[in-house]
N, C-alpha and C. Protein backbone atom coordinates (compact mmCIF):
# COMPACT_ATOMS: atom_id res chain seq x y z
N MET A 1 -50.26 2.78 42.42
CA MET A 1 -50.31 1.49 43.10
C MET A 1 -48.89 1.05 43.47
N SER A 2 -48.69 0.67 44.71
CA SER A 2 -47.35 0.27 45.15
C SER A 2 -47.00 -1.13 44.64
N VAL A 3 -45.72 -1.47 44.74
CA VAL A 3 -45.27 -2.79 44.31
C VAL A 3 -45.91 -3.87 45.17
N TYR A 4 -46.20 -3.56 46.43
CA TYR A 4 -46.87 -4.53 47.31
C TYR A 4 -48.30 -4.79 46.85
N GLN A 5 -49.00 -3.74 46.45
CA GLN A 5 -50.36 -3.89 45.96
C GLN A 5 -50.38 -4.69 44.66
N LYS A 6 -49.40 -4.42 43.80
CA LYS A 6 -49.33 -5.15 42.53
C LYS A 6 -49.04 -6.64 42.76
N LEU A 7 -48.14 -6.91 43.69
CA LEU A 7 -47.81 -8.31 43.98
C LEU A 7 -49.03 -9.03 44.55
N GLN A 8 -49.77 -8.34 45.42
CA GLN A 8 -50.97 -8.97 45.99
C GLN A 8 -52.01 -9.23 44.91
N GLN A 9 -52.15 -8.31 43.97
CA GLN A 9 -53.06 -8.52 42.85
C GLN A 9 -52.62 -9.71 42.01
N ALA A 10 -51.30 -9.82 41.80
CA ALA A 10 -50.77 -10.94 41.02
C ALA A 10 -51.08 -12.27 41.72
N ARG A 11 -50.95 -12.31 43.03
CA ARG A 11 -51.25 -13.53 43.79
C ARG A 11 -52.72 -13.92 43.63
N ILE A 12 -53.60 -12.93 43.73
CA ILE A 12 -55.04 -13.21 43.62
C ILE A 12 -55.38 -13.70 42.21
N LYS A 13 -54.77 -13.07 41.20
CA LYS A 13 -55.01 -13.51 39.82
C LYS A 13 -54.52 -14.94 39.61
N LEU A 14 -53.38 -15.26 40.20
CA LEU A 14 -52.84 -16.62 40.04
C LEU A 14 -53.74 -17.64 40.73
N GLN A 15 -54.32 -17.28 41.87
CA GLN A 15 -55.22 -18.19 42.58
C GLN A 15 -56.44 -18.54 41.74
N GLY A 16 -56.81 -17.62 40.83
CA GLY A 16 -57.94 -17.89 39.96
C GLY A 16 -57.58 -18.68 38.72
N THR A 17 -56.32 -19.07 38.61
CA THR A 17 -55.84 -19.85 37.46
C THR A 17 -55.78 -21.33 37.84
N GLU A 18 -56.26 -22.18 36.98
CA GLU A 18 -56.22 -23.63 37.26
C GLU A 18 -54.81 -24.15 36.99
N LEU A 19 -54.14 -24.59 38.04
CA LEU A 19 -52.78 -25.11 37.94
C LEU A 19 -52.76 -26.60 38.26
N LYS A 20 -51.94 -27.35 37.58
CA LYS A 20 -51.81 -28.78 37.84
C LYS A 20 -50.39 -29.12 38.23
N LYS A 21 -50.24 -29.97 39.24
CA LYS A 21 -48.93 -30.38 39.72
C LYS A 21 -48.39 -31.54 38.90
N SER A 22 -47.18 -31.38 38.39
CA SER A 22 -46.57 -32.46 37.61
C SER A 22 -45.42 -33.15 38.36
N GLY A 23 -44.91 -32.51 39.45
CA GLY A 23 -43.84 -33.12 40.24
C GLY A 23 -44.39 -34.19 41.17
N ASN A 24 -43.58 -35.24 41.42
CA ASN A 24 -44.01 -36.33 42.28
C ASN A 24 -42.86 -36.79 43.18
N ASN A 25 -43.01 -36.63 44.49
CA ASN A 25 -42.02 -37.10 45.45
C ASN A 25 -42.45 -38.48 45.94
N LYS A 26 -41.80 -39.53 45.43
CA LYS A 26 -42.20 -40.90 45.75
C LYS A 26 -41.85 -41.28 47.19
N PHE A 27 -40.79 -40.67 47.73
CA PHE A 27 -40.38 -41.01 49.10
C PHE A 27 -41.44 -40.59 50.12
N ALA A 28 -41.89 -39.34 50.03
CA ALA A 28 -42.87 -38.83 50.99
C ALA A 28 -44.30 -39.00 50.50
N GLY A 29 -44.47 -39.39 49.24
CA GLY A 29 -45.80 -39.68 48.73
C GLY A 29 -46.67 -38.47 48.48
N TYR A 30 -46.16 -37.45 47.79
CA TYR A 30 -46.99 -36.30 47.46
C TYR A 30 -46.54 -35.70 46.14
N GLN A 31 -47.42 -34.90 45.55
CA GLN A 31 -47.13 -34.19 44.31
C GLN A 31 -46.84 -32.73 44.62
N TYR A 32 -46.06 -32.09 43.73
CA TYR A 32 -45.71 -30.69 43.94
C TYR A 32 -45.62 -29.98 42.60
N PHE A 33 -45.60 -28.65 42.65
CA PHE A 33 -45.54 -27.84 41.44
C PHE A 33 -44.11 -27.77 40.91
N GLU A 34 -43.94 -28.07 39.63
CA GLU A 34 -42.71 -27.77 38.92
C GLU A 34 -42.80 -26.33 38.42
N LEU A 35 -41.62 -25.76 38.07
CA LEU A 35 -41.63 -24.38 37.56
C LEU A 35 -42.56 -24.22 36.37
N GLY A 36 -42.53 -25.18 35.47
CA GLY A 36 -43.35 -25.09 34.26
C GLY A 36 -44.84 -25.16 34.51
N ASP A 37 -45.23 -25.58 35.73
CA ASP A 37 -46.65 -25.68 36.05
C ASP A 37 -47.27 -24.31 36.32
N PHE A 38 -46.47 -23.36 36.79
CA PHE A 38 -47.05 -22.08 37.18
C PHE A 38 -46.33 -20.85 36.63
N LEU A 39 -45.04 -20.98 36.27
CA LEU A 39 -44.28 -19.79 35.89
C LEU A 39 -44.82 -19.11 34.63
N PRO A 40 -45.23 -19.83 33.58
CA PRO A 40 -45.81 -19.13 32.43
C PRO A 40 -47.02 -18.27 32.80
N ALA A 41 -47.88 -18.78 33.69
CA ALA A 41 -49.05 -18.00 34.12
C ALA A 41 -48.60 -16.77 34.92
N VAL A 42 -47.59 -16.94 35.78
CA VAL A 42 -47.08 -15.82 36.58
C VAL A 42 -46.51 -14.74 35.66
N GLN A 43 -45.74 -15.14 34.65
CA GLN A 43 -45.13 -14.16 33.76
C GLN A 43 -46.18 -13.36 33.01
N GLY A 44 -47.26 -14.01 32.60
CA GLY A 44 -48.33 -13.29 31.92
C GLY A 44 -49.00 -12.27 32.84
N ILE A 45 -49.24 -12.67 34.08
CA ILE A 45 -49.86 -11.77 35.06
C ILE A 45 -48.93 -10.60 35.37
N PHE A 46 -47.65 -10.90 35.55
CA PHE A 46 -46.67 -9.84 35.82
C PHE A 46 -46.61 -8.83 34.68
N SER A 47 -46.66 -9.32 33.46
CA SER A 47 -46.61 -8.43 32.30
C SER A 47 -47.80 -7.47 32.31
N ASP A 48 -48.99 -7.98 32.66
CA ASP A 48 -50.18 -7.14 32.70
C ASP A 48 -50.10 -6.08 33.80
N LEU A 49 -49.45 -6.42 34.92
CA LEU A 49 -49.39 -5.52 36.07
C LEU A 49 -48.15 -4.63 36.08
N GLY A 50 -47.23 -4.84 35.15
CA GLY A 50 -46.01 -4.04 35.14
C GLY A 50 -44.99 -4.47 36.17
N LEU A 51 -44.92 -5.78 36.40
CA LEU A 51 -43.94 -6.33 37.34
C LEU A 51 -42.94 -7.20 36.59
N CYS A 52 -41.76 -7.37 37.19
CA CYS A 52 -40.72 -8.21 36.60
C CYS A 52 -40.01 -8.98 37.72
N GLY A 53 -39.82 -10.28 37.54
CA GLY A 53 -39.09 -11.09 38.51
C GLY A 53 -37.66 -11.27 38.07
N VAL A 54 -36.71 -11.02 38.96
CA VAL A 54 -35.28 -11.12 38.63
C VAL A 54 -34.60 -12.05 39.64
N MET A 55 -34.04 -13.16 39.16
CA MET A 55 -33.33 -14.11 40.02
C MET A 55 -31.84 -13.83 40.01
N SER A 56 -31.19 -14.06 41.14
CA SER A 56 -29.72 -13.97 41.21
C SER A 56 -29.23 -14.96 42.25
N PHE A 57 -27.96 -15.38 42.08
CA PHE A 57 -27.39 -16.37 42.97
C PHE A 57 -25.98 -15.96 43.38
N THR A 58 -25.65 -16.23 44.64
CA THR A 58 -24.27 -16.16 45.11
C THR A 58 -23.94 -17.54 45.67
N ALA A 59 -22.74 -17.70 46.18
CA ALA A 59 -22.36 -19.00 46.74
C ALA A 59 -23.22 -19.35 47.96
N ASP A 60 -23.77 -18.35 48.64
CA ASP A 60 -24.50 -18.59 49.88
C ASP A 60 -26.00 -18.30 49.80
N LEU A 61 -26.44 -17.52 48.80
CA LEU A 61 -27.80 -17.02 48.84
C LEU A 61 -28.43 -16.97 47.45
N ALA A 62 -29.70 -17.39 47.39
CA ALA A 62 -30.51 -17.23 46.19
C ALA A 62 -31.51 -16.11 46.46
N THR A 63 -31.69 -15.22 45.49
CA THR A 63 -32.55 -14.05 45.69
C THR A 63 -33.50 -13.89 44.52
N LEU A 64 -34.78 -13.67 44.82
CA LEU A 64 -35.77 -13.32 43.82
C LEU A 64 -36.25 -11.91 44.13
N ARG A 65 -36.04 -10.99 43.16
CA ARG A 65 -36.49 -9.60 43.30
C ARG A 65 -37.73 -9.40 42.44
N ILE A 66 -38.80 -8.91 43.05
CA ILE A 66 -40.01 -8.53 42.32
C ILE A 66 -39.95 -7.03 42.13
N VAL A 67 -39.77 -6.58 40.88
CA VAL A 67 -39.52 -5.17 40.59
C VAL A 67 -40.72 -4.54 39.87
N ASP A 68 -41.13 -3.36 40.34
CA ASP A 68 -42.15 -2.57 39.64
C ASP A 68 -41.45 -1.85 38.49
N ILE A 69 -41.82 -2.17 37.27
CA ILE A 69 -41.13 -1.64 36.09
C ILE A 69 -41.25 -0.12 36.02
N GLU A 70 -42.35 0.43 36.50
CA GLU A 70 -42.58 1.87 36.40
C GLU A 70 -41.81 2.64 37.47
N THR A 71 -41.93 2.22 38.71
CA THR A 71 -41.34 2.99 39.81
C THR A 71 -39.96 2.50 40.24
N LYS A 72 -39.60 1.30 39.80
CA LYS A 72 -38.34 0.64 40.18
C LYS A 72 -38.31 0.20 41.65
N ASP A 73 -39.47 0.32 42.34
CA ASP A 73 -39.56 -0.23 43.70
C ASP A 73 -39.52 -1.75 43.61
N GLU A 74 -39.07 -2.40 44.68
CA GLU A 74 -38.95 -3.85 44.61
C GLU A 74 -39.15 -4.52 45.96
N ILE A 75 -39.45 -5.82 45.90
CA ILE A 75 -39.54 -6.69 47.07
C ILE A 75 -38.60 -7.86 46.83
N SER A 76 -37.85 -8.24 47.84
CA SER A 76 -36.88 -9.33 47.69
C SER A 76 -37.24 -10.52 48.56
N PHE A 77 -37.04 -11.71 48.01
CA PHE A 77 -37.20 -12.97 48.73
C PHE A 77 -35.88 -13.72 48.62
N THR A 78 -35.39 -14.27 49.73
CA THR A 78 -34.10 -14.95 49.72
C THR A 78 -34.19 -16.35 50.33
N SER A 79 -33.21 -17.19 49.98
CA SER A 79 -33.12 -18.54 50.53
C SER A 79 -31.66 -18.96 50.55
N PRO A 80 -31.21 -19.64 51.60
CA PRO A 80 -29.82 -20.14 51.63
C PRO A 80 -29.59 -21.14 50.51
N MET A 81 -28.42 -21.09 49.89
CA MET A 81 -28.09 -22.02 48.81
C MET A 81 -27.79 -23.40 49.39
N GLY A 82 -28.15 -24.43 48.64
CA GLY A 82 -27.84 -25.80 49.03
C GLY A 82 -26.83 -26.41 48.06
N SER A 83 -26.81 -27.73 48.00
CA SER A 83 -25.90 -28.42 47.10
C SER A 83 -26.60 -29.65 46.54
N ALA A 84 -26.07 -30.19 45.45
CA ALA A 84 -26.62 -31.40 44.84
C ALA A 84 -25.46 -32.31 44.49
N ALA A 85 -25.75 -33.60 44.46
CA ALA A 85 -24.73 -34.59 44.09
C ALA A 85 -25.40 -35.65 43.22
N LEU A 86 -25.88 -35.21 42.05
CA LEU A 86 -26.58 -36.11 41.14
C LEU A 86 -25.61 -37.07 40.48
N LYS A 87 -25.96 -38.34 40.50
CA LYS A 87 -25.09 -39.36 39.94
C LYS A 87 -24.92 -39.18 38.44
N GLY A 88 -23.68 -39.22 37.96
CA GLY A 88 -23.39 -39.12 36.54
C GLY A 88 -23.42 -37.71 36.00
N CYS A 89 -23.53 -36.71 36.88
CA CYS A 89 -23.58 -35.31 36.43
C CYS A 89 -22.30 -34.60 36.85
N HIS A 90 -21.85 -33.67 36.00
CA HIS A 90 -20.67 -32.89 36.36
C HIS A 90 -21.09 -31.67 37.19
N GLU A 91 -20.12 -30.90 37.64
CA GLU A 91 -20.37 -29.83 38.61
C GLU A 91 -21.38 -28.81 38.12
N VAL A 92 -21.26 -28.41 36.85
CA VAL A 92 -22.18 -27.39 36.33
C VAL A 92 -23.62 -27.89 36.36
N GLN A 93 -23.83 -29.18 36.04
CA GLN A 93 -25.18 -29.74 36.08
C GLN A 93 -25.73 -29.76 37.50
N ASN A 94 -24.88 -30.06 38.48
CA ASN A 94 -25.33 -30.04 39.87
C ASN A 94 -25.69 -28.62 40.31
N ILE A 95 -24.90 -27.64 39.87
CA ILE A 95 -25.22 -26.25 40.17
C ILE A 95 -26.56 -25.88 39.56
N GLY A 96 -26.77 -26.30 38.33
CA GLY A 96 -28.04 -26.02 37.65
C GLY A 96 -29.23 -26.63 38.37
N ALA A 97 -29.04 -27.85 38.91
CA ALA A 97 -30.12 -28.51 39.65
C ALA A 97 -30.48 -27.71 40.90
N VAL A 98 -29.46 -27.22 41.61
CA VAL A 98 -29.71 -26.43 42.82
C VAL A 98 -30.43 -25.12 42.46
N GLU A 99 -29.97 -24.46 41.41
CA GLU A 99 -30.58 -23.18 41.02
C GLU A 99 -32.03 -23.37 40.58
N THR A 100 -32.32 -24.47 39.88
CA THR A 100 -33.69 -24.74 39.47
C THR A 100 -34.58 -24.94 40.69
N TYR A 101 -34.08 -25.70 41.67
CA TYR A 101 -34.85 -25.90 42.90
C TYR A 101 -35.08 -24.59 43.62
N GLN A 102 -34.05 -23.74 43.73
CA GLN A 102 -34.18 -22.46 44.42
C GLN A 102 -35.17 -21.54 43.70
N ARG A 103 -35.14 -21.56 42.39
CA ARG A 103 -36.10 -20.75 41.63
C ARG A 103 -37.53 -21.18 41.97
N ARG A 104 -37.77 -22.49 41.94
CA ARG A 104 -39.11 -22.99 42.25
C ARG A 104 -39.52 -22.60 43.67
N TYR A 105 -38.63 -22.81 44.62
CA TYR A 105 -38.92 -22.53 46.03
C TYR A 105 -39.25 -21.04 46.22
N LEU A 106 -38.46 -20.17 45.62
CA LEU A 106 -38.67 -18.73 45.83
C LEU A 106 -39.93 -18.23 45.13
N TRP A 107 -40.21 -18.74 43.94
CA TRP A 107 -41.43 -18.34 43.26
C TRP A 107 -42.67 -18.82 44.02
N VAL A 108 -42.63 -20.03 44.54
CA VAL A 108 -43.74 -20.55 45.34
C VAL A 108 -43.96 -19.66 46.56
N THR A 109 -42.85 -19.24 47.20
CA THR A 109 -42.95 -18.37 48.36
C THR A 109 -43.50 -16.99 47.99
N ALA A 110 -42.95 -16.40 46.94
CA ALA A 110 -43.35 -15.05 46.55
C ALA A 110 -44.82 -14.98 46.14
N MET A 111 -45.29 -16.01 45.44
CA MET A 111 -46.65 -15.99 44.93
C MET A 111 -47.65 -16.64 45.89
N GLU A 112 -47.17 -17.06 47.07
CA GLU A 112 -48.04 -17.70 48.07
C GLU A 112 -48.79 -18.88 47.46
N ILE A 113 -48.08 -19.67 46.67
CA ILE A 113 -48.69 -20.84 46.05
C ILE A 113 -48.86 -21.92 47.10
N VAL A 114 -50.05 -22.47 47.19
CA VAL A 114 -50.35 -23.48 48.19
C VAL A 114 -49.70 -24.79 47.77
N GLU A 115 -48.70 -25.21 48.54
CA GLU A 115 -47.96 -26.44 48.25
C GLU A 115 -48.27 -27.49 49.29
N HIS A 116 -47.85 -28.71 48.99
CA HIS A 116 -47.98 -29.80 49.95
C HIS A 116 -47.18 -29.48 51.21
N ASP A 117 -47.72 -29.85 52.36
CA ASP A 117 -47.00 -29.71 53.63
C ASP A 117 -46.18 -30.97 53.85
N ALA A 118 -44.86 -30.85 53.71
CA ALA A 118 -43.99 -32.02 53.85
C ALA A 118 -44.14 -32.68 55.20
N LEU A 119 -44.52 -31.92 56.22
CA LEU A 119 -44.69 -32.48 57.56
C LEU A 119 -45.82 -33.51 57.56
N ASP A 120 -46.92 -33.22 56.84
CA ASP A 120 -48.04 -34.15 56.81
C ASP A 120 -47.64 -35.49 56.20
N ALA A 121 -46.72 -35.46 55.24
CA ALA A 121 -46.31 -36.70 54.58
C ALA A 121 -45.57 -37.61 55.53
N VAL A 122 -44.94 -37.02 56.54
CA VAL A 122 -44.15 -37.83 57.48
C VAL A 122 -44.96 -38.19 58.71
N THR A 123 -45.75 -37.23 59.23
CA THR A 123 -46.46 -37.45 60.49
C THR A 123 -47.90 -37.89 60.29
N GLY A 124 -48.40 -37.81 59.06
CA GLY A 124 -49.79 -38.15 58.82
C GLY A 124 -50.64 -36.90 58.81
N ASP A 125 -51.77 -36.95 58.11
CA ASP A 125 -52.63 -35.77 57.96
C ASP A 125 -53.96 -36.04 58.65
N GLY A 126 -54.50 -35.02 59.28
CA GLY A 126 -55.80 -35.14 59.89
C GLY A 126 -55.77 -35.84 61.24
N GLN A 127 -54.61 -36.13 61.79
CA GLN A 127 -54.52 -36.79 63.08
C GLN A 127 -54.27 -35.76 64.17
N THR A 128 -54.71 -36.08 65.37
CA THR A 128 -54.50 -35.18 66.49
C THR A 128 -54.05 -35.98 67.69
N GLY A 129 -53.50 -35.28 68.69
CA GLY A 129 -53.18 -35.90 69.97
C GLY A 129 -52.20 -37.04 69.85
N SER A 130 -52.50 -38.12 70.60
CA SER A 130 -51.58 -39.25 70.68
C SER A 130 -51.42 -39.97 69.35
N ALA A 131 -52.47 -39.98 68.52
CA ALA A 131 -52.37 -40.65 67.22
C ALA A 131 -51.34 -39.98 66.34
N LYS A 132 -51.35 -38.65 66.32
CA LYS A 132 -50.39 -37.92 65.51
C LYS A 132 -48.98 -38.08 66.06
N GLU A 133 -48.86 -38.06 67.39
CA GLU A 133 -47.55 -38.23 67.99
C GLU A 133 -47.00 -39.62 67.71
N ALA A 134 -47.87 -40.63 67.72
CA ALA A 134 -47.42 -41.99 67.43
C ALA A 134 -46.92 -42.09 65.99
N THR A 135 -47.63 -41.42 65.09
CA THR A 135 -47.19 -41.43 63.70
C THR A 135 -45.88 -40.70 63.54
N ARG A 136 -45.69 -39.62 64.31
CA ARG A 136 -44.44 -38.87 64.28
C ARG A 136 -43.27 -39.77 64.67
N GLN A 137 -43.49 -40.64 65.63
CA GLN A 137 -42.43 -41.52 66.07
C GLN A 137 -42.20 -42.66 65.10
N ALA A 138 -43.19 -42.93 64.25
CA ALA A 138 -43.05 -44.00 63.25
C ALA A 138 -43.20 -43.38 61.87
N PRO A 139 -42.14 -42.79 61.31
CA PRO A 139 -42.22 -42.05 60.05
C PRO A 139 -42.55 -42.97 58.88
N ARG A 140 -42.97 -42.34 57.81
CA ARG A 140 -43.27 -43.07 56.59
C ARG A 140 -42.09 -43.95 56.21
N SER A 141 -42.37 -45.20 55.90
CA SER A 141 -41.30 -46.15 55.62
C SER A 141 -40.61 -45.83 54.31
N VAL A 142 -39.30 -45.99 54.29
CA VAL A 142 -38.55 -45.90 53.05
C VAL A 142 -38.89 -47.11 52.21
N PRO A 143 -39.12 -46.97 50.90
CA PRO A 143 -39.50 -48.10 50.06
C PRO A 143 -38.52 -49.26 50.21
N GLN A 144 -39.06 -50.48 50.19
CA GLN A 144 -38.23 -51.67 50.29
C GLN A 144 -37.39 -51.84 49.03
N VAL A 145 -36.10 -51.94 49.19
CA VAL A 145 -35.20 -52.10 48.06
C VAL A 145 -34.14 -53.12 48.42
N ALA A 146 -33.24 -53.37 47.50
CA ALA A 146 -32.18 -54.34 47.73
C ALA A 146 -31.29 -53.89 48.89
N GLN A 147 -30.59 -54.84 49.48
CA GLN A 147 -29.75 -54.56 50.63
C GLN A 147 -28.60 -53.62 50.31
N THR A 148 -28.31 -53.44 49.02
CA THR A 148 -27.21 -52.57 48.63
C THR A 148 -27.53 -51.09 48.82
N GLY A 149 -28.80 -50.77 49.11
CA GLY A 149 -29.14 -49.38 49.37
C GLY A 149 -30.36 -48.91 48.62
N LEU A 150 -30.50 -47.59 48.53
CA LEU A 150 -31.64 -46.96 47.88
C LEU A 150 -31.40 -46.77 46.39
N LYS A 151 -32.49 -46.62 45.65
CA LYS A 151 -32.39 -46.30 44.23
C LYS A 151 -32.02 -44.82 44.08
N ASP A 152 -31.41 -44.48 42.95
CA ASP A 152 -31.02 -43.08 42.72
C ASP A 152 -32.22 -42.14 42.82
N SER A 153 -33.37 -42.57 42.26
CA SER A 153 -34.55 -41.71 42.29
C SER A 153 -35.03 -41.49 43.72
N GLU A 154 -34.88 -42.51 44.57
CA GLU A 154 -35.29 -42.38 45.96
C GLU A 154 -34.38 -41.43 46.72
N ILE A 155 -33.09 -41.43 46.39
CA ILE A 155 -32.15 -40.51 47.01
C ILE A 155 -32.58 -39.07 46.75
N GLU A 156 -32.93 -38.75 45.51
CA GLU A 156 -33.35 -37.40 45.18
C GLU A 156 -34.66 -37.04 45.85
N ASP A 157 -35.59 -38.00 45.94
CA ASP A 157 -36.86 -37.74 46.62
C ASP A 157 -36.64 -37.45 48.11
N ILE A 158 -35.73 -38.19 48.72
CA ILE A 158 -35.44 -37.98 50.14
C ILE A 158 -34.82 -36.60 50.36
N LYS A 159 -33.91 -36.21 49.48
CA LYS A 159 -33.27 -34.90 49.60
C LYS A 159 -34.30 -33.77 49.51
N ILE A 160 -35.22 -33.90 48.57
CA ILE A 160 -36.26 -32.88 48.41
C ILE A 160 -37.16 -32.85 49.64
N ALA A 161 -37.54 -34.05 50.12
CA ALA A 161 -38.41 -34.13 51.29
C ALA A 161 -37.76 -33.49 52.51
N MET A 162 -36.46 -33.70 52.70
CA MET A 162 -35.77 -33.10 53.83
C MET A 162 -35.69 -31.59 53.69
N ARG A 163 -35.42 -31.10 52.47
CA ARG A 163 -35.33 -29.66 52.26
C ARG A 163 -36.65 -28.96 52.56
N GLU A 164 -37.77 -29.66 52.27
CA GLU A 164 -39.08 -29.05 52.43
C GLU A 164 -39.70 -29.33 53.80
N CYS A 165 -39.02 -30.10 54.62
CA CYS A 165 -39.56 -30.44 55.94
C CYS A 165 -39.45 -29.23 56.86
N GLY A 166 -40.55 -28.86 57.49
CA GLY A 166 -40.55 -27.68 58.35
C GLY A 166 -40.60 -27.98 59.83
N ASP A 167 -40.46 -29.25 60.21
CA ASP A 167 -40.53 -29.63 61.61
C ASP A 167 -39.29 -30.43 61.98
N LEU A 168 -38.61 -30.03 63.05
CA LEU A 168 -37.34 -30.65 63.43
C LEU A 168 -37.50 -32.12 63.79
N ASP A 169 -38.53 -32.46 64.55
CA ASP A 169 -38.74 -33.85 64.94
C ASP A 169 -39.04 -34.72 63.73
N ALA A 170 -39.85 -34.19 62.82
CA ALA A 170 -40.17 -34.94 61.61
C ALA A 170 -38.93 -35.14 60.74
N LEU A 171 -38.08 -34.12 60.69
CA LEU A 171 -36.84 -34.23 59.93
C LEU A 171 -35.95 -35.32 60.50
N LYS A 172 -35.82 -35.37 61.82
CA LYS A 172 -34.99 -36.38 62.45
C LYS A 172 -35.54 -37.78 62.19
N ALA A 173 -36.86 -37.91 62.23
CA ALA A 173 -37.48 -39.20 61.95
C ALA A 173 -37.25 -39.62 60.50
N MET A 174 -37.33 -38.64 59.59
CA MET A 174 -37.09 -38.90 58.18
C MET A 174 -35.66 -39.37 57.95
N TRP A 175 -34.71 -38.69 58.62
CA TRP A 175 -33.30 -39.05 58.48
C TRP A 175 -33.05 -40.46 59.02
N ALA A 176 -33.67 -40.79 60.15
CA ALA A 176 -33.48 -42.12 60.73
C ALA A 176 -33.99 -43.21 59.80
N ALA A 177 -35.14 -42.97 59.16
CA ALA A 177 -35.70 -43.95 58.25
C ALA A 177 -34.82 -44.12 57.01
N ALA A 178 -34.33 -43.00 56.49
CA ALA A 178 -33.48 -43.07 55.30
C ALA A 178 -32.13 -43.71 55.63
N TYR A 179 -31.57 -43.37 56.79
CA TYR A 179 -30.27 -43.90 57.20
C TYR A 179 -30.32 -45.43 57.30
N LYS A 180 -31.43 -45.95 57.77
CA LYS A 180 -31.56 -47.39 57.95
C LYS A 180 -31.49 -48.14 56.62
N LYS A 181 -32.01 -47.54 55.55
CA LYS A 181 -32.07 -48.21 54.26
C LYS A 181 -30.89 -47.88 53.35
N ALA A 182 -30.23 -46.75 53.59
CA ALA A 182 -29.15 -46.31 52.69
C ALA A 182 -27.86 -47.06 52.97
N ASN A 183 -27.01 -47.15 51.94
CA ASN A 183 -25.67 -47.70 52.16
C ASN A 183 -24.74 -46.56 52.58
N ASP A 184 -23.48 -46.88 52.86
CA ASP A 184 -22.54 -45.88 53.39
C ASP A 184 -22.36 -44.71 52.44
N ALA A 185 -22.23 -44.99 51.14
CA ALA A 185 -22.03 -43.92 50.16
C ALA A 185 -23.24 -43.01 50.10
N GLN A 186 -24.43 -43.59 50.15
CA GLN A 186 -25.66 -42.79 50.09
C GLN A 186 -25.85 -41.97 51.36
N ARG A 187 -25.44 -42.51 52.50
CA ARG A 187 -25.52 -41.75 53.74
C ARG A 187 -24.63 -40.52 53.68
N THR A 188 -23.47 -40.67 53.02
CA THR A 188 -22.55 -39.55 52.87
C THR A 188 -23.18 -38.44 52.03
N VAL A 189 -23.98 -38.83 51.03
CA VAL A 189 -24.66 -37.86 50.18
C VAL A 189 -25.81 -37.19 50.92
N LEU A 190 -26.57 -37.96 51.69
CA LEU A 190 -27.77 -37.45 52.35
C LEU A 190 -27.46 -36.64 53.61
N LYS A 191 -26.37 -36.98 54.29
CA LYS A 191 -26.09 -36.36 55.58
C LYS A 191 -25.96 -34.83 55.52
N PRO A 192 -25.25 -34.26 54.51
CA PRO A 192 -25.17 -32.78 54.46
C PRO A 192 -26.54 -32.12 54.30
N GLU A 193 -27.43 -32.75 53.52
CA GLU A 193 -28.78 -32.20 53.36
C GLU A 193 -29.51 -32.20 54.70
N TYR A 194 -29.40 -33.30 55.42
CA TYR A 194 -30.05 -33.41 56.72
C TYR A 194 -29.48 -32.37 57.70
N GLU A 195 -28.15 -32.29 57.77
CA GLU A 195 -27.53 -31.39 58.74
C GLU A 195 -27.85 -29.93 58.44
N LYS A 196 -27.88 -29.57 57.17
CA LYS A 196 -28.17 -28.18 56.83
C LYS A 196 -29.60 -27.80 57.24
N GLN A 197 -30.57 -28.68 56.93
CA GLN A 197 -31.95 -28.39 57.30
C GLN A 197 -32.14 -28.47 58.81
N ARG A 198 -31.44 -29.40 59.46
CA ARG A 198 -31.52 -29.51 60.92
C ARG A 198 -31.02 -28.22 61.58
N ASP A 199 -29.88 -27.71 61.11
CA ASP A 199 -29.32 -26.48 61.68
C ASP A 199 -30.25 -25.29 61.44
N TYR A 200 -30.85 -25.25 60.24
CA TYR A 200 -31.77 -24.16 59.92
C TYR A 200 -32.99 -24.19 60.84
N LEU A 201 -33.59 -25.38 61.00
CA LEU A 201 -34.79 -25.49 61.83
C LEU A 201 -34.47 -25.26 63.31
N THR A 202 -33.28 -25.67 63.74
CA THR A 202 -32.88 -25.43 65.13
C THR A 202 -32.73 -23.95 65.40
N THR A 203 -32.11 -23.24 64.45
CA THR A 203 -31.94 -21.79 64.59
C THR A 203 -33.28 -21.08 64.59
N ARG A 204 -34.17 -21.50 63.69
CA ARG A 204 -35.49 -20.88 63.61
C ARG A 204 -36.30 -21.10 64.87
N LYS A 205 -36.17 -22.31 65.45
CA LYS A 205 -36.90 -22.63 66.68
C LYS A 205 -36.42 -21.80 67.85
N ALA A 206 -35.10 -21.52 67.86
CA ALA A 206 -34.50 -20.76 68.97
C ALA A 206 -34.80 -19.27 68.88
N ALA A 207 -35.10 -18.81 67.65
CA ALA A 207 -35.32 -17.38 67.42
C ALA A 207 -36.60 -16.89 68.11
């Protein structure tokens, strides 16, 4: 059995496992899988099938290798590295936050785990035609807060929502909504996240 066949079997076995989402993005209003929600089940399935997941990081790229323990054949999944600026955390903690996010993202991708569509949270779900387009132009409102800006928890929710947004127009609408409520310091933190995802989606659209 090839490593591709084993991975497909692992995906099917995981789909038959009852998983519960413990993550909650308050900005976009949806729940998502944390690593602890699915990784223990994945590791058990991999052990039964003779597979091993190996994560690695460079300054620019996060990589998840799915290796067949018997044949040493492998499949690789990659993602561009991002950055974090968590308040009150030193550099190593921010690096750890980014690596944790990349691990979750790559495992979700590799195992074809059905996640929330960040686009639906911004443009609305189940709408078509002009109704959906109108919602696209009027993105989900940023929570009402004091004039001094957003709460720290909301900043992190916005960053995650932007990273997971797969539509360029929705991303721009999300940025406009966040920019309106954020103070200057918070805009400085959020802008690199927006620009990185904007550049990625622009490149993907042009490809």
